[in-house]
Protein backbone atom coordinates (compact mmCIF):
# COMPACT_ATOMS: atom_id res chain seq x y z
CA MET A 1 139.36 76.08 19.66
CA LYS A 2 142.30 75.86 22.01
CA ALA A 3 143.40 79.39 21.22
CA TYR A 4 139.88 80.61 21.93
CA ILE A 5 139.95 78.98 25.34
CA VAL A 6 143.26 80.57 26.14
CA SER A 7 141.98 83.94 25.05
CA LEU A 8 138.82 83.56 27.17
CA THR A 9 140.87 82.57 30.17
CA THR A 10 143.19 85.50 29.65
CA LEU A 11 140.21 87.84 29.36
CA LEU A 12 138.70 86.44 32.55
CA LEU A 13 141.97 86.85 34.42
CA CYS A 14 142.28 90.41 33.19
CA THR A 15 138.74 91.15 34.30
CA ILE A 16 139.39 89.71 37.75
CA SER A 17 142.60 91.70 37.98
CA VAL A 18 140.76 94.90 37.09
CA PHE A 19 138.08 94.22 39.71
CA ALA A 20 140.72 93.40 42.31
CA GLN A 21 142.61 96.55 41.47
CA ASN A 22 139.42 98.58 41.76
CA GLU A 23 138.67 96.98 45.15
CA ARG A 24 142.11 97.80 46.48
CA SER A 25 142.05 101.33 45.11
CA LEU A 26 138.63 101.95 46.61
CA ILE A 27 139.76 100.62 49.99
CA ARG A 28 142.95 102.71 49.86
CA GLU A 29 140.97 105.82 48.99
CA GLY A 30 138.54 105.03 51.82
CA ASN A 31 141.47 104.59 54.20
CA ARG A 32 142.83 108.05 53.32
CA GLN A 33 139.44 109.61 53.86
CA TYR A 34 138.95 107.70 57.14
CA LYS A 35 142.35 108.94 58.39
CA ASP A 36 141.29 112.52 57.58
CA GLY A 37 138.07 112.08 59.55
CA LYS A 38 135.87 111.99 56.44
CA PHE A 39 133.94 108.97 57.60
CA SER A 40 130.89 109.36 55.36
CA GLU A 41 133.09 109.63 52.22
CA ALA A 42 135.14 106.65 53.37
CA GLU A 43 131.94 104.67 53.92
CA VAL A 44 130.98 105.23 50.27
CA ASN A 45 134.27 103.84 48.96
CA TYR A 46 134.23 100.87 51.35
CA GLN A 47 130.66 100.11 50.28
CA LYS A 48 131.68 100.20 46.60
CA ALA A 49 134.55 97.82 47.30
CA SER A 50 132.23 95.51 49.20
CA ASP A 51 129.73 95.60 46.32
CA LEU A 52 132.49 94.58 43.91
CA ASN A 53 133.49 91.72 46.19
CA PRO A 54 131.06 90.82 48.97
CA MET A 55 133.61 88.34 50.33
CA ASN A 56 136.22 91.02 50.96
CA ASP A 57 136.59 90.88 54.73
CA LYS A 58 138.72 94.04 54.86
CA ALA A 59 136.08 96.06 53.01
CA ALA A 60 133.41 94.75 55.39
CA TYR A 61 135.57 95.46 58.45
CA ASN A 62 136.46 98.99 57.34
CA LEU A 63 132.85 99.69 56.40
CA GLY A 64 131.89 98.72 59.96
CA ASN A 65 134.51 101.12 61.35
CA ALA A 66 133.26 104.00 59.16
CA ARG A 67 129.70 103.48 60.36
CA TYR A 68 130.82 103.10 63.95
CA GLN A 69 132.54 106.50 63.79
CA GLN A 70 129.23 107.99 62.61
CA LYS A 71 127.48 106.40 65.62
CA ASN A 72 125.55 104.02 63.38
CA TYR A 73 126.22 101.19 65.82
CA GLU A 74 123.59 98.77 64.52
CA GLY A 75 124.86 99.13 60.94
CA ALA A 76 128.44 98.76 62.13
CA MET A 77 127.60 95.53 63.98
CA ASN A 78 126.25 93.91 60.81
CA HIS A 79 129.52 94.54 58.95
CA PHE A 80 131.69 93.42 61.87
CA LYS A 81 129.74 90.16 61.98
CA GLN A 82 130.24 89.68 58.24
CA ALA A 83 133.95 90.36 58.56
CA ALA A 84 134.31 87.92 61.48
CA GLU A 85 132.40 85.17 59.68
CA MET A 86 134.12 85.45 56.29
CA SER A 87 137.68 86.28 57.37
CA LYS A 88 140.34 83.63 57.27
CA ASN A 89 142.73 85.98 59.05
CA PRO A 90 142.58 85.44 62.85
CA GLU A 91 143.78 88.98 63.48
CA VAL A 92 140.97 90.51 61.40
CA GLU A 93 138.45 88.17 63.00
CA ALA A 94 139.61 89.08 66.53
CA LYS A 95 139.39 92.80 65.77
CA ALA A 96 135.92 92.38 64.29
CA ILE A 97 134.77 90.50 67.40
CA TYR A 98 136.31 93.20 69.62
CA ASN A 99 134.53 95.93 67.67
CA LEU A 100 131.25 94.05 67.99
CA GLY A 101 131.70 94.35 71.74
CA ASN A 102 132.49 98.06 71.38
CA SER A 103 129.33 98.62 69.31
CA LEU A 104 127.22 97.09 72.06
CA LEU A 105 129.15 98.93 74.77
CA SER A 106 128.45 102.24 73.03
CA GLN A 107 124.72 101.44 73.27
CA ASP A 108 125.00 100.74 77.03
CA LYS A 109 124.31 97.07 76.33
CA TYR A 110 126.89 95.96 78.85
CA ALA A 111 125.69 92.41 79.41
CA GLU A 112 125.58 91.73 75.65
CA SER A 113 129.07 93.19 75.07
CA ILE A 114 130.88 91.07 77.67
CA PRO A 115 130.85 87.75 75.72
CA TYR A 116 132.45 89.44 72.68
CA PHE A 117 135.28 90.92 74.74
CA LYS A 118 135.89 87.52 76.32
CA GLN A 119 135.95 85.89 72.88
CA ALA A 120 138.36 88.55 71.57
CA LEU A 121 140.65 87.89 74.54
CA ARG A 122 140.56 84.15 73.92
CA MET A 123 141.59 84.80 70.31
CA ASN A 124 144.24 87.35 71.32
CA PRO A 125 145.20 87.18 75.02
CA ALA A 126 147.62 90.07 74.51
CA ASP A 127 144.83 92.50 73.58
CA GLU A 128 144.96 94.94 76.50
CA GLU A 129 142.17 97.09 75.08
CA ALA A 130 139.85 94.09 75.05
CA ARG A 131 140.88 93.30 78.63
CA TYR A 132 140.22 96.86 79.77
CA ASN A 133 136.87 97.09 77.96
CA LEU A 134 135.82 93.77 79.47
CA ALA A 135 136.52 95.06 82.99
CA TYR A 136 134.78 98.34 82.19
CA ALA A 137 131.70 96.57 80.81
CA GLN A 138 131.51 94.36 83.91
CA TRP A 139 131.79 97.39 86.20
CA LYS A 140 129.11 99.30 84.26
CA LEU A 141 126.86 96.25 84.27
CA LYS A 142 127.12 96.06 88.07
CA GLN A 143 126.25 99.76 88.32
CA GLN A 144 123.35 99.28 85.93
CA GLN A 145 121.98 96.37 87.94
CA GLU A 146 122.30 98.32 91.20
CA GLN A 147 120.52 101.29 89.63
CA GLN A 148 117.78 99.04 88.34
CA LYS A 149 117.40 97.58 91.83
CA GLN A 150 117.19 101.07 93.33
CA ASP A 151 114.65 102.11 90.71
CA GLN A 152 112.64 98.99 91.45
CA ASN A 153 112.69 99.76 95.17
CA LYS A 154 111.64 103.33 94.43
CA ASP A 155 108.78 102.06 92.31
CA GLN A 156 107.72 99.68 95.08
CA ASN A 157 107.91 102.47 97.66
CA LYS A 158 106.02 104.73 95.31
CA ASP A 159 103.31 102.09 94.90
CA GLN A 160 103.18 101.57 98.67
CA ASN A 161 102.96 105.31 99.28
CA LYS A 162 100.23 105.54 96.67
CA ASP A 163 98.31 102.71 98.33
CA GLN A 164 98.72 104.38 101.72
CA GLN A 165 97.60 107.71 100.30
CA ASP A 166 94.60 106.04 98.67
CA GLN A 167 93.69 104.42 101.97
CA LYS A 168 94.12 107.75 103.76
CA ASP A 169 91.94 109.48 101.17
CA GLN A 170 89.30 106.80 101.56
CA GLN A 171 89.42 107.13 105.35
CA ASP A 172 89.22 110.92 105.08
CA GLN A 173 86.23 110.59 102.81
CA LYS A 174 84.61 108.19 105.26
CA ASP A 175 85.34 110.51 108.18
CA GLN A 176 83.92 113.43 106.27
CA GLN A 177 80.84 111.44 105.36
CA ASP A 178 80.39 110.41 109.00
CA LYS A 179 80.81 114.03 110.02
CA ASN A 180 78.24 115.10 107.45
CA ASP A 181 75.86 112.41 108.66
CA GLN A 182 76.34 113.51 112.26
CA GLN A 183 75.77 117.13 111.31
CA GLN A 184 72.67 116.17 109.38
CA GLN A 185 71.38 114.19 112.36
CA GLN A 186 72.17 117.10 114.67
CA ASN A 187 70.31 119.45 112.35
CA GLN A 188 67.35 117.09 112.35
CA ASN A 189 67.45 116.89 116.14
CA ASP A 190 67.67 120.67 116.41
CA GLN A 191 64.79 121.07 114.01
CA GLN A 192 62.75 118.52 115.93
CA LYS A 193 63.51 120.33 119.17
CA GLN A 194 62.51 123.64 117.62
CA ASP A 195 59.29 122.09 116.38
CA GLN A 196 58.54 120.73 119.86
CA GLN A 197 59.25 124.09 121.43
CA LYS A 198 57.03 125.77 118.89
CA GLN A 199 54.23 123.29 119.59
CA GLN A 200 54.64 123.85 123.33
CA GLN A 201 54.48 127.61 122.83
CA GLN A 202 51.35 127.24 120.78
CA LYS A 203 49.84 125.02 123.46
CA ASN A 204 50.75 127.51 126.18
CA GLN A 205 49.24 130.31 124.13
CA GLN A 206 46.07 128.31 123.69
CA GLN A 207 45.93 127.65 127.43
CA GLN A 208 46.54 131.34 128.16
CA LEU A 209 43.80 132.36 125.78
CA SER A 210 41.42 129.93 127.44
CA LYS A 211 42.16 131.42 130.85
CA GLU A 212 41.67 134.96 129.59
CA GLU A 213 38.42 134.00 127.90
CA ALA A 214 37.23 132.42 131.14
CA GLU A 215 38.00 135.61 133.07
CA ARG A 216 36.25 137.72 130.47
CA MET A 217 33.25 135.44 130.69
CA LEU A 218 33.30 135.71 134.47
CA GLN A 219 33.57 139.45 134.26
CA ALA A 220 30.71 139.48 131.77
CA LEU A 221 28.62 137.38 134.05
CA THR A 222 29.47 139.62 136.99
CA GLY A 223 28.46 142.63 134.91
CA GLU A 224 25.08 141.08 134.16
CA GLU A 225 24.61 140.33 137.82
CA LYS A 226 25.41 143.93 138.66
CA LYS A 227 22.79 145.11 136.21
CA THR A 228 20.28 142.69 137.69
CA LEU A 229 21.05 143.87 141.21
CA GLN A 230 20.80 147.46 140.11
CA LYS A 231 17.39 146.86 138.62
CA LEU A 232 16.25 145.10 141.74
CA ASN A 233 17.52 147.97 143.88
CA GLU A 234 15.68 150.49 141.72
CA LYS A 235 12.44 148.57 142.15
CA LYS A 236 12.89 148.48 145.92
CA VAL A 237 13.41 152.22 146.03
CA LYS A 238 10.29 152.88 143.98
CA ALA A 239 8.27 150.56 146.13
CA ALA A 240 9.39 152.29 149.28
CA ALA A 241 8.50 155.68 147.87
CA ALA A 242 5.08 154.50 146.96
CA VAL A 243 4.47 153.23 150.42
CA ALA A 244 5.55 156.48 151.95
CA LEU A 245 3.21 158.47 149.82
CA GLU A 246 0.34 156.32 150.76
CA LYS A 247 1.10 156.83 154.41
CA ASP A 248 1.20 160.64 154.07
CA TRP A 249 -2.27 160.56 152.61
């Protein structure tokens, strides 16, 4: 029974040793590929090493670097966080925190990156890269805030201009409507004036006709009188002739 236990322990130790050797070899192979710029191949080997030992902070840290180089910043951040949380090595932890800041900085998340650079500096005050990136992030944040303020002012001015234009359009529409109403009223007045003139003309024509009819009637009457006078004159002549004849006899 004792010998069995020793054999089991030996087997377990050998298994652990094999796994550890595989982890290290995978990380070394990944490091060679990373150095040659083969980041996707390096990522595969780092991932395998991390799968063999999820608590391997170096595998997690290097996996984050490989993804960072491929611009997979969100994926890189997850592995940097894992490395910082599980590492018992202050140097690895400080680098992981610093790279968290870099991942955010690369996404223009300046405000979010600043606390990580400050934390990295607290852990390693001699880290000049962290100091520089902190100053750069603060400068870019100030620029970003100023740009946002300018954009906000532009938007406000744009809204004001739009409101003013809307008011102008409404006033123009009102002016045009008033002009149309005035024109319509003028047209009505002109039409009414034309109608009045037409009625007056008709009235004048009627009056003129009445005058002409009266003259014609007068002339007609005068004509009748002439006929009557002519008849009377003819009778007088005949009567005179008759008298003369009687006298000659």
